[in-house]
Every structure is written in structure tokens, then in C-alpha cells.
Protein backbone atom coordinates (compact mmCIF):
# COMPACT_ATOMS: atom_id res chain seq x y z
CA MET A 1 -3.73 7.44 -40.89
CA ARG A 2 -4.81 7.85 -37.22
CA ARG A 3 -3.21 10.72 -35.44
CA GLN A 4 -0.81 9.68 -32.72
CA GLU A 5 -2.22 10.61 -29.31
CA ARG A 6 0.13 12.79 -27.30
CA ILE A 7 1.91 11.15 -24.40
CA ILE A 8 1.79 13.22 -21.24
CA GLY A 9 4.90 13.16 -19.14
CA HIS A 10 5.79 9.55 -18.60
CA GLY A 11 2.47 8.33 -19.98
CA THR A 12 0.94 7.25 -16.65
CA TRP A 13 -2.25 8.15 -14.78
CA TYR A 14 0.00 10.06 -12.33
CA ASP A 15 1.31 12.35 -15.08
CA LYS A 16 -2.10 13.01 -16.39
CA THR A 17 -3.34 13.86 -12.86
CA ALA A 18 -0.36 16.27 -12.29
CA VAL A 19 -1.23 18.17 -15.43
CA GLU A 20 -4.87 18.42 -14.31
CA ILE A 21 -3.83 19.67 -10.91
CA ILE A 22 -1.60 22.40 -12.42
CA GLU A 23 -4.23 23.47 -14.93
CA ARG A 24 -6.89 23.66 -12.08
CA GLU A 25 -4.61 25.70 -9.85
CA ARG A 26 -3.89 28.09 -12.70
CA ARG A 27 -7.64 28.54 -13.35
CA LEU A 28 -8.13 29.21 -9.63
CA GLY A 29 -5.45 31.86 -9.76
CA ARG A 30 -3.47 30.32 -6.95
CA ASP A 31 0.27 30.54 -6.43
CA LEU A 32 2.14 27.82 -8.30
CA SER A 33 5.52 28.29 -6.64
CA LEU A 34 4.88 25.25 -4.37
CA ILE A 35 2.26 22.55 -4.87
CA ARG A 36 1.55 20.51 -1.78
CA VAL A 37 0.15 16.95 -1.87
CA GLU A 38 -0.96 15.33 1.40
CA SER A 39 -1.61 11.90 2.87
CA GLY A 40 -3.46 11.65 6.16
CA VAL A 41 -2.54 8.50 8.10
CA ALA A 42 -3.94 7.06 11.24
CA ALA A 43 -1.83 6.23 14.31
CA SER A 44 -4.39 4.04 16.15
CA GLY A 45 -3.41 0.70 14.73
CA ILE A 46 -0.84 -1.38 12.90
CA PRO A 47 -0.11 0.18 9.42
CA HIS A 48 -1.03 -2.17 6.62
CA ILE A 49 -0.70 -2.30 2.89
CA GLY A 50 -3.68 0.01 2.51
CA SER A 51 -1.92 2.64 4.69
CA PHE A 52 1.23 2.23 2.58
CA SER A 53 -0.64 2.40 -0.72
CA GLU A 54 -2.38 5.71 0.25
CA VAL A 55 1.07 7.19 0.80
CA THR A 56 2.70 5.84 -2.35
CA ARG A 57 -0.15 7.00 -4.58
CA ASN A 58 -0.15 10.53 -3.29
CA TYR A 59 3.61 10.64 -3.27
CA ALA A 60 3.71 9.44 -6.93
CA VAL A 61 1.45 12.33 -7.77
CA SER A 62 3.80 14.81 -6.09
CA LEU A 63 6.68 13.42 -8.14
CA ALA A 64 4.56 13.77 -11.27
CA VAL A 65 4.02 17.42 -10.49
CA GLU A 66 7.80 17.87 -10.24
CA GLU A 67 8.29 16.05 -13.51
CA GLN A 68 6.11 18.77 -15.08
CA GLY A 69 8.62 21.37 -13.89
CA TYR A 70 6.95 22.55 -10.67
CA LYS A 71 8.21 22.43 -7.11
CA ALA A 72 6.10 20.03 -5.00
CA GLU A 73 6.14 19.01 -1.30
CA PHE A 74 4.63 15.80 0.02
CA ILE A 75 3.04 16.21 3.43
CA LEU A 76 2.46 13.21 5.70
CA PHE A 77 -0.11 14.18 8.35
CA SER A 78 -0.20 11.69 11.17
CA ASP A 79 -3.40 11.88 13.18
CA ASN A 80 -1.78 10.94 16.51
CA LYS A 81 -4.27 13.11 18.43
CA ASP A 82 -6.90 10.57 17.47
CA GLY A 83 -8.56 8.44 20.20
CA LEU A 84 -8.32 4.69 20.46
CA ARG A 85 -11.65 3.29 19.28
CA SER A 86 -10.96 -0.39 19.74
CA VAL A 87 -8.09 -2.73 20.51
CA PRO A 88 -6.68 -4.14 17.24
CA ALA A 89 -6.75 -7.93 17.04
CA GLY A 90 -3.57 -9.47 18.39
CA LEU A 91 -2.69 -6.58 20.73
CA PRO A 92 -2.89 -6.93 24.58
CA GLU A 93 -6.32 -6.87 26.13
CA SER A 94 -4.90 -4.51 28.76
CA LEU A 95 -5.36 -1.76 26.16
CA GLU A 96 -9.16 -1.92 26.68
CA ARG A 97 -8.91 0.49 29.60
CA TYR A 98 -7.49 3.16 27.21
CA ILE A 99 -10.39 3.17 24.80
CA GLY A 100 -11.18 6.84 24.06
CA PHE A 101 -7.74 8.10 25.04
CA PRO A 102 -5.60 10.01 22.54
CA VAL A 103 -3.11 7.46 21.19
CA THR A 104 -0.18 9.60 22.22
CA GLU A 105 -1.37 9.34 25.83
CA ILE A 106 -1.44 5.56 25.86
CA PRO A 107 1.65 3.67 27.00
CA ASP A 108 3.41 1.62 24.35
CA PRO A 109 2.56 -2.05 25.05
CA PHE A 110 5.86 -3.00 23.34
CA ARG A 111 7.88 -0.63 25.64
CA CYS A 112 10.04 0.73 22.84
CA HIS A 113 8.47 4.11 22.20
CA GLU A 114 7.10 6.95 24.31
CA SER A 115 3.51 6.04 23.43
CA TYR A 116 1.23 3.60 21.58
CA GLY A 117 0.67 6.21 18.90
CA ASP A 118 4.42 6.84 18.41
CA HIS A 119 4.99 3.07 18.11
CA MET A 120 2.33 2.74 15.31
CA VAL A 121 3.56 5.78 13.44
CA SER A 122 7.18 4.44 13.61
CA LEU A 123 6.10 1.25 11.86
CA LEU A 124 4.74 3.16 8.87
CA LEU A 125 7.72 5.56 8.73
CA GLU A 126 10.09 2.55 8.81
CA ALA A 127 8.35 1.11 5.76
CA LEU A 128 8.26 4.51 3.91
CA ASP A 129 11.95 5.09 4.59
CA GLU A 130 12.84 1.56 3.26
CA ALA A 131 10.78 2.34 0.13
CA GLY A 132 12.63 5.63 -0.41
CA ILE A 133 9.69 8.00 0.08
CA GLU A 134 10.58 11.57 0.98
CA TYR A 135 8.03 13.34 3.16
CA THR A 136 7.49 16.24 5.51
CA LEU A 137 5.98 14.78 8.66
CA ILE A 138 3.42 16.69 10.65
CA LYS A 139 2.06 15.04 13.79
CA GLY A 140 -1.48 16.05 14.74
CA ALA A 141 -0.65 16.55 18.44
CA ASP A 142 2.13 18.91 17.54
CA ALA A 143 -0.01 20.74 14.93
CA TYR A 144 -2.71 21.49 17.58
CA ALA A 145 -0.15 22.33 20.34
CA GLN A 146 1.73 24.77 18.07
CA GLY A 147 -1.42 26.52 16.82
CA LEU A 148 -1.11 25.46 13.19
CA LEU A 149 -4.89 25.15 12.86
CA ASN A 150 -6.00 27.93 15.22
CA GLU A 151 -7.45 30.22 12.59
CA GLU A 152 -9.44 27.37 11.01
CA ILE A 153 -10.66 26.17 14.33
CA ARG A 154 -11.98 29.58 15.21
CA LEU A 155 -13.82 29.89 11.90
CA LEU A 156 -15.44 26.51 12.32
CA LEU A 157 -16.50 27.21 15.96
CA GLU A 158 -17.94 30.63 14.95
CA ASN A 159 -19.89 28.85 12.19
CA ALA A 160 -20.72 25.62 14.02
CA ARG A 161 -24.43 25.76 13.18
CA ARG A 162 -23.64 25.94 9.54
CA VAL A 163 -21.17 23.04 9.89
CA GLY A 164 -23.91 20.98 11.50
CA GLN A 165 -26.29 21.79 8.67
CA ILE A 166 -23.76 20.71 6.02
CA VAL A 167 -23.20 17.41 7.86
CA LYS A 168 -26.89 16.75 8.07
CA GLU A 169 -27.46 17.64 4.32
CA GLU A 170 -24.66 15.35 3.14
CA THR A 171 -24.96 12.40 5.61
CA GLY A 172 -28.26 12.71 7.45
CA GLN A 173 -26.38 12.89 10.84
CA GLU A 174 -27.81 15.54 13.14
CA LYS A 175 -25.15 15.23 15.94
CA TYR A 176 -23.38 18.52 14.98
CA LEU A 177 -26.56 20.53 15.14
CA GLU A 178 -26.22 20.21 18.90
CA ALA A 179 -22.47 19.75 19.49
CA LEU A 180 -19.57 21.82 18.33
CA PRO A 181 -17.29 20.11 15.83
CA TYR A 182 -14.49 19.90 18.38
CA PHE A 183 -13.51 17.23 20.88
CA PRO A 184 -11.81 18.47 24.01
CA VAL A 185 -9.65 16.12 25.98
CA CYS A 186 -11.46 15.58 29.30
CA GLY A 187 -9.51 17.29 32.09
CA SER A 188 -10.58 14.61 34.58
CA CYS A 189 -10.57 11.14 32.85
CA GLY A 190 -8.23 12.00 29.91
CA ARG A 191 -10.59 10.69 27.21
CA ILE A 192 -11.42 12.57 24.05
CA TYR A 193 -14.45 11.11 22.42
CA THR A 194 -16.64 11.09 25.55
CA THR A 195 -16.71 14.86 25.64
CA LYS A 196 -19.37 17.09 24.13
CA ALA A 197 -18.44 20.73 23.44
CA TYR A 198 -21.61 22.78 23.69
CA LYS A 199 -20.53 26.42 23.94
CA PHE A 200 -17.83 28.54 22.24
CA LEU A 201 -16.25 31.44 24.21
CA PRO A 202 -14.66 33.51 21.43
CA ASP A 203 -13.12 36.17 23.63
CA GLU A 204 -11.29 33.46 25.61
CA ASP A 205 -10.46 31.04 22.69
CA LYS A 206 -12.17 28.31 24.74
CA VAL A 207 -15.08 25.84 24.57
CA LEU A 208 -17.13 24.54 27.43
CA TYR A 209 -17.79 20.81 27.52
CA ARG A 210 -19.26 17.90 29.48
CA CYS A 211 -17.84 14.42 29.53
CA GLU A 212 -21.03 12.58 28.69
CA GLY A 213 -19.98 9.52 26.81
CA MET A 214 -20.14 8.40 23.20
CA GLU A 215 -20.99 5.40 21.06
CA ILE A 216 -17.82 3.89 19.58
CA LYS A 217 -17.88 0.76 17.36
CA HIS A 218 -21.54 0.12 18.37
CA LYS A 219 -20.66 0.19 22.08
CA TRP A 220 -21.41 2.95 24.55
CA LEU A 221 -18.37 4.44 26.14
CA GLU A 222 -19.47 6.08 29.44
CA GLY A 223 -18.20 9.55 30.25
CA CYS A 224 -17.00 10.55 33.67
CA GLY A 225 -19.53 13.41 34.01
CA TYR A 226 -16.86 16.17 34.41
CA GLU A 227 -17.67 19.64 33.17
CA GLY A 228 -14.87 21.92 32.13
CA GLU A 229 -13.38 24.23 29.52
CA ALA A 230 -10.65 23.59 26.91
CA ASP A 231 -8.35 26.18 25.24
CA TYR A 232 -8.07 25.22 21.54
CA THR A 233 -5.00 27.44 21.08
CA ARG A 234 -3.12 25.18 23.51
CA GLY A 235 -4.04 21.92 21.80
CA GLU A 236 -6.47 20.81 24.55
CA GLY A 237 -8.58 18.94 22.01
CA LYS A 238 -9.06 18.31 18.30
CA LEU A 239 -11.45 18.90 15.43
CA SER A 240 -13.79 16.20 14.31
CA TRP A 241 -12.27 14.81 11.14
CA LYS A 242 -15.72 14.14 9.77
CA ALA A 243 -16.87 17.68 10.35
CA GLY A 244 -13.98 19.98 9.53
CA GLU A 245 -10.52 18.67 10.37
CA PHE A 246 -9.72 17.70 6.83
CA ALA A 247 -10.85 21.16 5.59
CA ALA A 248 -8.82 22.84 8.23
CA ARG A 249 -5.65 21.04 7.28
CA TRP A 250 -6.23 21.72 3.55
CA ARG A 251 -6.56 25.49 4.19
CA ALA A 252 -3.78 25.78 6.80
CA LEU A 253 -1.28 23.81 4.67
CA LYS A 254 -2.53 24.98 1.30
CA ILE A 255 -2.99 21.38 0.11
CA ARG A 256 -3.63 21.05 -3.68
CA PHE A 257 -4.16 17.27 -4.00
CA GLU A 258 -5.20 14.44 -1.78
CA ALA A 259 -6.43 10.98 -2.83
CA TYR A 260 -8.69 9.13 -0.43
CA GLY A 261 -10.23 5.74 0.12
CA LYS A 262 -13.79 4.90 -0.86
CA ASP A 263 -14.67 4.28 2.83
CA ILE A 264 -14.43 7.94 3.74
CA ALA A 265 -16.06 9.44 0.65
CA ASP A 266 -18.93 10.94 2.69
CA SER A 267 -16.50 12.70 5.03
CA VAL A 268 -14.48 14.08 2.14
CA ARG A 269 -17.65 15.44 0.55
CA VAL A 270 -18.64 17.12 3.80
CA ASN A 271 -15.16 18.61 4.20
CA ASP A 272 -15.14 19.87 0.65
CA ARG A 273 -18.26 21.93 1.35
CA ILE A 274 -16.94 23.17 4.69
CA SER A 275 -13.72 24.20 3.00
CA ARG A 276 -15.50 26.17 0.30
CA GLU A 277 -18.48 27.60 2.24
CA ILE A 278 -17.00 28.27 5.69
CA LEU A 279 -13.22 28.47 5.32
CA GLY A 280 -13.23 30.13 1.97
CA TYR A 281 -10.66 27.74 0.46
CA GLU A 282 -11.22 25.72 -2.66
CA PRO A 283 -10.51 22.19 -1.54
CA PRO A 284 -7.72 20.19 -3.15
CA MET A 285 -8.30 18.09 -6.22
CA HIS A 286 -9.17 14.49 -5.24
CA ALA A 287 -9.00 11.04 -6.56
CA GLN A 288 -10.91 8.16 -5.00
CA TYR A 289 -9.44 4.67 -4.75
CA GLU A 290 -10.93 1.43 -3.38
CA MET A 291 -9.62 -0.89 -0.69
CA PHE A 292 -7.47 -3.95 -0.75
CA LEU A 293 -9.31 -7.04 0.32
CA ASP A 294 -8.04 -10.26 1.83
CA ARG A 295 -8.69 -13.57 0.05
CA GLY A 296 -11.98 -13.83 1.94
CA GLY A 297 -13.20 -10.61 0.43
CA ARG A 298 -12.89 -8.54 3.63
CA LYS A 299 -11.38 -5.13 3.72
CA ILE A 300 -7.87 -5.34 5.24
CA SER A 301 -8.22 -3.73 8.61
CA LYS A 302 -6.38 -3.45 11.93
CA SER A 303 -9.62 -4.08 13.90
CA LYS A 304 -10.51 -7.29 11.93
CA GLY A 305 -7.07 -8.84 12.56
CA ASN A 306 -6.32 -9.45 8.89
CA VAL A 307 -3.54 -6.87 8.71
CA PHE A 308 -1.03 -7.42 5.88
CA THR A 309 1.93 -5.21 6.86
CA PRO A 310 4.66 -3.71 4.57
CA GLN A 311 7.17 -5.43 6.90
CA LEU A 312 5.69 -8.79 6.01
CA TRP A 313 5.93 -8.02 2.30
CA PHE A 314 9.57 -6.90 2.68
CA ARG A 315 10.44 -10.27 4.21
CA TYR A 316 9.71 -12.01 0.89
CA GLY A 317 9.90 -9.25 -1.70
CA SER A 318 11.44 -5.95 -2.61
CA PRO A 319 9.93 -2.55 -1.73
CA GLN A 320 9.61 -1.89 -5.47
CA SER A 321 7.47 -4.98 -6.01
CA MET A 322 5.06 -3.71 -3.37
CA ILE A 323 5.12 -0.20 -4.83
CA LEU A 324 4.14 -1.80 -8.17
CA LEU A 325 1.12 -3.40 -6.44
CA THR A 326 0.00 -0.01 -5.20
CA LEU A 327 0.67 2.03 -8.34
CA LYS A 328 -0.23 -0.21 -11.25
CA ARG A 329 -4.01 0.28 -10.89
CA PHE A 330 -5.69 3.10 -8.98
CA VAL A 331 -9.39 2.18 -9.16
CA GLY A 332 -11.20 -1.09 -8.39
CA THR A 333 -10.92 -3.41 -5.38
CA ARG A 334 -8.23 -6.06 -5.43
CA SER A 335 -7.72 -9.18 -3.28
CA ILE A 336 -4.23 -9.60 -2.02
CA SER A 337 -2.23 -12.11 -0.03
CA VAL A 338 1.35 -13.18 0.64
CA ASP A 339 1.01 -15.63 -2.30
CA ASP A 340 0.98 -12.64 -4.74
CA ILE A 341 4.51 -11.54 -3.87
CA PRO A 342 6.36 -13.85 -6.34
CA ARG A 343 4.09 -12.67 -9.15
CA TYR A 344 4.83 -8.96 -8.45
CA MET A 345 8.57 -9.69 -8.16
CA ASP A 346 8.48 -11.34 -11.62
CA GLU A 347 6.24 -8.59 -13.04
CA LEU A 348 8.69 -5.97 -11.97
CA ASP A 349 11.38 -7.73 -13.95
CA GLU A 350 9.10 -7.69 -17.03
CA LEU A 351 8.61 -3.98 -16.63
CA GLU A 352 12.41 -3.66 -16.39
CA ASP A 353 12.79 -5.48 -19.67
CA VAL A 354 10.44 -3.00 -21.29
CA TYR A 355 12.20 -0.05 -19.71
CA PHE A 356 15.64 -1.06 -21.00
CA GLY A 357 14.37 -2.10 -24.41
CA ARG A 358 14.79 -5.84 -23.95
CA LYS A 359 11.13 -6.27 -24.64
CA LYS A 360 9.42 -4.24 -27.39
CA LEU A 361 5.73 -3.30 -27.60
CA ARG A 362 3.88 -2.38 -30.74
CA ASP A 363 1.77 0.38 -29.06
CA PRO A 364 4.05 3.43 -28.31
CA LYS A 365 1.51 4.68 -25.76
CA GLU A 366 1.42 1.43 -23.86
CA GLU A 367 5.18 1.18 -23.94
CA ALA A 368 5.56 4.69 -22.60
CA LYS A 369 3.09 3.98 -19.78
CA LEU A 370 4.87 0.79 -18.71
CA LYS A 371 8.24 2.57 -18.86
CA GLY A 372 6.79 5.36 -16.73
CA LEU A 373 5.20 2.94 -14.28
CA TYR A 374 8.69 1.33 -13.80
CA GLU A 375 10.22 4.76 -13.11
CA TYR A 376 7.55 5.56 -10.53
CA CYS A 377 8.13 2.19 -8.88
CA TRP A 378 11.61 3.46 -8.32
CA PHE A 379 10.31 7.00 -7.47
CA MET A 380 12.10 8.40 -10.50
CA ASN A 381 15.55 6.91 -9.58
CA PRO A 382 15.59 3.62 -11.49
CA PRO A 383 18.72 1.46 -11.91
CA ARG A 384 21.17 2.55 -14.55
CA ARG A 385 21.29 -0.85 -16.07
CA PRO A 386 19.12 -4.00 -16.06
CA ARG A 387 19.60 -6.45 -13.26
CA ILE A 388 19.85 -10.22 -13.45
CA HIS A 389 16.35 -11.61 -13.69
CA VAL A 390 15.72 -15.08 -12.19
CA PRO A 391 12.09 -16.28 -11.74
CA TYR A 392 11.09 -16.12 -8.07
CA ASN A 393 9.92 -19.71 -7.99
CA LEU A 394 13.12 -20.98 -9.57
CA LEU A 395 15.04 -19.51 -6.67
CA VAL A 396 12.52 -21.05 -4.20
CA SER A 397 12.92 -24.47 -5.81
CA LEU A 398 16.75 -24.21 -5.67
CA VAL A 399 16.80 -22.99 -2.15
CA LYS A 400 14.51 -25.86 -1.16
CA VAL A 401 17.00 -28.50 -2.26
CA ALA A 402 20.24 -26.54 -1.36
CA PRO A 403 22.52 -27.90 1.43
CA GLU A 404 21.68 -26.19 4.69
CA GLY A 405 24.19 -23.35 5.38
CA ALA A 406 25.45 -23.33 1.80
CA GLU A 407 22.35 -21.99 0.05
CA LEU A 408 23.92 -18.94 -1.60
CA ARG A 409 26.86 -20.95 -2.99
CA PHE A 410 24.57 -23.75 -4.23
CA VAL A 411 22.14 -21.41 -5.94
CA ALA A 412 24.92 -19.42 -7.49
CA GLU A 413 26.48 -22.59 -8.95
CA LYS A 414 23.10 -23.66 -10.43
CA LEU A 415 22.45 -20.20 -11.82
CA ARG A 416 25.77 -20.32 -13.60
CA GLU A 417 24.91 -23.79 -14.98
CA TYR A 418 21.54 -22.31 -16.25
CA ARG A 419 23.35 -19.35 -17.78
CA TYR A 420 21.61 -16.73 -15.65
CA LEU A 421 24.91 -15.83 -13.95
CA ARG A 422 28.36 -15.51 -15.29
CA ASN A 423 30.40 -14.46 -12.30
CA SER A 424 29.70 -13.92 -8.62
CA LEU A 425 26.40 -13.05 -7.12
CA THR A 426 25.33 -9.36 -7.39
CA PRO A 427 23.94 -7.66 -4.25
CA ASP A 428 20.53 -7.52 -5.85
CA LEU A 429 20.53 -11.22 -6.68
CA GLU A 430 21.79 -12.14 -3.25
CA ARG A 431 18.80 -10.18 -1.78
CA ARG A 432 16.46 -12.19 -4.01
CA ILE A 433 17.88 -15.47 -2.85
CA ARG A 434 17.44 -14.32 0.74
CA TYR A 435 13.74 -13.49 0.01
CA ALA A 436 13.43 -17.07 -1.32
CA LEU A 437 15.13 -18.47 1.75
CA ASN A 438 12.60 -16.68 3.97
CA TRP A 439 9.81 -18.00 1.84
CA VAL A 440 11.06 -21.62 2.16
CA LYS A 441 11.49 -21.21 5.88
CA ASP A 442 8.01 -19.97 6.37
CA PHE A 443 6.05 -21.79 3.61
CA GLU A 444 8.31 -24.60 2.34
CA GLU A 445 6.87 -24.62 -1.17
CA ALA A 446 6.96 -22.27 -4.03
CA ALA A 447 3.90 -20.17 -4.76
CA GLY A 448 2.34 -20.90 -8.13
CA ILE A 449 -0.34 -19.66 -10.40
CA THR A 450 -3.30 -21.69 -11.43
CA VAL A 451 -2.59 -22.81 -15.00
CA GLU A 452 -5.65 -24.04 -16.99
CA ILE A 453 -4.52 -26.87 -19.27
CA SER A 454 -6.46 -28.79 -21.90
CA GLY A 455 -7.22 -32.50 -21.87
CA ARG A 456 -4.31 -33.16 -24.23
CA GLU A 457 -1.96 -31.20 -22.12
CA LYS A 458 -3.09 -32.96 -18.98
CA GLU A 459 -2.33 -36.31 -20.74
CA ALA A 460 1.07 -34.99 -21.82
CA VAL A 461 1.90 -33.78 -18.28
CA ALA A 462 0.87 -37.15 -16.87
CA GLN A 463 3.20 -38.88 -19.34
CA LEU A 464 6.03 -36.55 -18.35
CA ILE A 465 5.47 -37.42 -14.68
CA GLU A 466 6.05 -41.11 -15.56
CA ARG A 467 9.20 -40.22 -17.48
CA ILE A 468 10.55 -38.24 -14.55
CA ARG A 469 10.05 -41.23 -12.29
CA THR A 470 12.28 -43.45 -14.53
CA ILE A 471 14.81 -41.12 -16.22
CA ASP A 472 17.99 -39.84 -14.41
CA ASP A 473 19.72 -38.33 -17.38
CA PRO A 474 18.94 -34.58 -17.92
CA ASP A 475 19.51 -34.68 -21.73
CA ALA A 476 17.24 -37.78 -22.06
CA LEU A 477 14.53 -36.02 -20.06
CA GLN A 478 14.89 -32.89 -22.16
CA SER A 479 14.38 -35.03 -25.35
CA SER A 480 11.33 -36.72 -23.75
CA ILE A 481 9.55 -33.40 -23.38
CA PHE A 482 9.81 -32.83 -27.16
CA GLU A 483 8.71 -36.38 -27.86
CA ILE A 484 5.72 -36.22 -25.49
CA ALA A 485 4.54 -32.94 -27.03
CA ARG A 486 4.65 -34.29 -30.61
CA ASP A 487 2.95 -37.58 -29.62
CA ASN A 488 0.04 -35.53 -28.15
CA GLY A 489 -0.22 -33.14 -31.09
CA ILE A 490 1.12 -30.21 -29.08
CA LYS A 491 3.70 -27.78 -30.45
CA PRO A 492 6.84 -28.33 -28.32
CA ARG A 493 7.13 -24.48 -27.82
CA ASP A 494 3.62 -24.38 -26.33
CA PHE A 495 4.23 -27.41 -24.14
CA PHE A 496 7.38 -25.92 -22.78
CA ARG A 497 5.55 -22.64 -22.02
CA THR A 498 2.89 -24.56 -20.13
CA LEU A 499 5.46 -26.38 -18.08
CA TYR A 500 7.33 -23.18 -17.22
CA LEU A 501 4.04 -21.58 -16.04
CA ILE A 502 3.31 -24.62 -13.93
CA LEU A 503 6.74 -24.87 -12.38
CA LEU A 504 7.95 -21.22 -12.27
CA GLY A 505 4.94 -18.96 -12.83
CA VAL A 506 6.67 -17.44 -15.90
CA ASP A 507 6.68 -18.45 -19.57
CA SER A 508 10.35 -19.17 -19.91
CA GLY A 509 13.32 -20.39 -17.88
CA PRO A 510 16.23 -22.74 -17.72
CA ARG A 511 16.55 -26.02 -19.74
CA LEU A 512 13.82 -28.16 -18.22
CA GLY A 513 15.59 -31.51 -18.37
CA PRO A 514 18.33 -30.51 -15.89
CA TYR A 515 16.06 -28.27 -13.81
CA LEU A 516 13.46 -31.00 -13.27
CA LEU A 517 16.18 -33.19 -11.80
CA ASP A 518 17.84 -30.37 -9.87
CA MET A 519 14.68 -29.37 -8.13
CA GLY A 520 14.20 -32.96 -6.96
CA LYS A 521 11.99 -35.55 -8.59
CA GLU A 522 9.47 -35.57 -5.73
CA ASN A 523 9.13 -31.73 -5.84
CA ALA A 524 8.75 -31.72 -9.61
CA ILE A 525 6.19 -34.50 -9.67
CA GLU A 526 4.20 -32.87 -6.85
CA LYS A 527 3.89 -29.56 -8.73
CA LEU A 528 2.94 -31.27 -12.03
CA GLU A 529 0.41 -33.53 -10.37
CA ARG A 530 -1.27 -30.55 -8.86
CA SER A 531 -1.81 -29.05 -12.34
CA VAL A 532 -3.25 -32.31 -13.66
CA LYS A 533 -5.74 -32.54 -10.80
CA ALA A 534 -6.80 -28.93 -11.02
């Protein structure tokens, strides 16, 4: 008999990672009274699903550490001292004149926050709060002004030549062999990336610089020519994140874990060496993840104008469904679009069925992992009892034919007829109907999955379409489905499953005879014809 493999924590990747972090910290001999996990987030553009997923993944690891019995703190470091490198697509062209300025020094084009940077940070925090993420927020501008990184900055400036050598060895870039790894804010023009710090004055805690200009996004940003000095203890500049800022944060905050995107792998490798060799701090344990892509295969990016925001997802689906998207798989690229929201809403329901024992799995390890994933989707505070599960596309279909202004009442009546609902709508089910209402308002038709069907099934579906055209009695239509399946040599159970997948995106649902008529003959025929033509 094969020995049962031990299930760690809740059986997920996050639990396994938490154990590895704790074991590593113990080997390093470091204090285990508080284990800090960090996410660094940009403030220069509209936060998107990639920004949200970086936070959820790191936050889940911090929760997993706590599930192992250790105190953890999740640090959200907002780089709002960063300079604006380009104007994100869709934002006013007037922002062009602020290229190179720290984002906290740029006026908010929407006029609702003190600065452009504050506005962008607030969008991410709004999404995190709605998702139930608990974090300690540290803003970069405040960290520099308050001297949080002063000791690390001094060490990096004293060892600037060695920093430059590490950057060259790891990336081939020679820039920091000549320039210090620190960008002062120009005292004349106010830009940050056009300055070149060329001399460190250790007795005065200052650097000397010239505002020469810099290439940003393959364009040359001209400096103003000003020469001055910057006091790093007063926050008059910032470290280069490629050449030391990550390492400085890790040491100053005693960070023990930080996951990162594949696109900054070189920078993380450089900072790991700087942390060890110059700052004398063993860098945090890492995990690398890949980016979300849009349907065209492009990385989701503020500069490319294909931003998919958490706020957009929350219009059509629950925060937990988006958390499921971010947590279910850590490695590998994935294409994502709004069309995926119904699938993740239904998949969360399937996880809930496993969690509450409504659906049993043969493999104990797989069952534990799925139950654990469900708990992490709720950040370890899941519902006490299962909710009412209604396929997303069923709600969309009902909303579509509901009388305007009476959608909630109409859908509730139909759900009672279909035996999904016994009494009045629950708050959760009402929210789901409102998601479907938003979907219909914006897209008009239900999202579906592509269902590959055989020649016999296509013939059977085509016959059903003709029956729908001529039959108005729901019981007669229900009987026709059985009859068509048998006439085409298909098991009725398999034919019903195919129809549910075509119509609802799930493999079960209400009695099809009544539902096909309730959703409207034209709507039903349109969806079925699409599957025949596919």
C-alpha cells in the first residue's frame, strides 16, 4: 500500500511556501517573532489585475505563515516617489509636460486627490479594501522623508563602485559605474530621472548632481542643466530600484518573502546580490510568477492601454472570484478578459461545494488543496454555510427577458420555479443578480464557453432547434430532448450535459423544457445555432 503523503497546512502552494520560509529563517538564525511579507506596487499608472494579483499572492503567503502559528505582517510599499515615464493610454495629453516628475508632485487630472500618484494609489487601495486584504501601507515619499532608508542609502553610496560592478556583471549595463545609484529631484526643474548624481559627500549626507537628461521609453528627456546638491536624509531623491532600492527596503523592513513578476527578474537578481554583498542582509525568499496577457497575447499594461482593472471585474463578479483567478495558479502566463468572469464565478461555487462536502473527491490531497484554495479565496474567513448557487449565465438569460424595473422580482420567481430558491432572495443572490444586470446592460448576451460537439450531437442540436420553433409546451419540449437523444444514439444524460454547457457554461441546471421557453425562443435558438456552426 502506498504511503499517504502528508498534507501541509491547508494543502496549497501557499502553505508549502510558508513552511519553507520558516525553515529558511530558522537556518539563518533570524528572529521568528514577526515575519514580514512585502508587495511593492507602482503609483505611476492605473492599477490593473496584475497589480492586484501581486498583492493577493504575497498576502496569501503571509496568511499561510500565520496558519503555521507565527505572527506575520503584510507590507504594501507604494513607490509614489517614482517618476512618470509615460502618459498611460486614455489619460489627458496635458500630462506630457510632467514626464520625469515624481508622481506625488503631479496634479491629479481627475481633481479628486492631492496628486496624480495619490489618485492611482487610491484606486488600488479601494480594490484591496473591497477584497478584504489587511495591509500596512508605506508610501515611498514618506519613507524617504522620514529617514526609513537612511542607513541603507549611506551604505550604497559608500559602496557605489561595487554596486555598479554588480549591475554590470548581472545585466551588462555600465551606467552605474559612472553614476551613483541615487536620483536626486532637480532643485530647478523638479524632475527626478534627468539628474545624474556623480559625487557623494559623506560628512554632509549629500550628493552632488547635474540635471543632464535621460532616455525614458526610448525617448530622450532633456535635462535643464542645473547643478546642485541633494540631502538624502531629507528625502530629496530616491534610490534606483534597479540598483539597490529593493535591497534597501528588504533590509530596513526586515522583509522575509516577496514574490515578483518575471519582467523584473534581472532587477531582483541584482538586488539580491546587493543585499548580501553590500548591505549584509540575506534577501527574502522569492517566488517568480508570470504576467497576465490580454486576448491578443500582450502583457496587460497601463502604457499599452489594455488595462483590465479590479473595478471592472467587480462590476460583473465578486472579489472572491477574482481572488480565485489570482491564486489558483502561480506559474505560467494566462490570457484573461471580461468574458472569463462568469466562469470564475461558477468555479468558485464548485470550490464551495467541495469545501462543504457537497462534492466528494477520491484523492484526499486534491480535496484538501481545493478546500484550502477556497479558504484563501476568502482570506481564511469563509462563509459558515454554503450559499445558493445559480449558474451565472442562467441569471444573465433571465435578466435579459425580465420586465424592466422588475428584474429582481422576476428572477426570484423563476428561481423558485426552478427550485433554486425557496423563500426570498438572500443578499448574496441579490448581488449576483445585479452582476448579471450589469452584464446585460453592457454586453447584452451571456458569455459562453466553446463546446466541441460531435457530428451526431450537431444533428441532435439542429433537430432540437426545429422543435423549439414549433413547441410551446414546456413538458412536451422536455420530452422531445429525450426523444431526440435516443433517435441519434446519444445517452440522454450526455445530451442534457452538452445542452447545459452550451446554454449555461456548467454541466447541470434547471429543467430544460421550461428554461428554453423562459429564456425566449430566439435567445435559445441563437445560442444553440452558434454551437452547431462552431
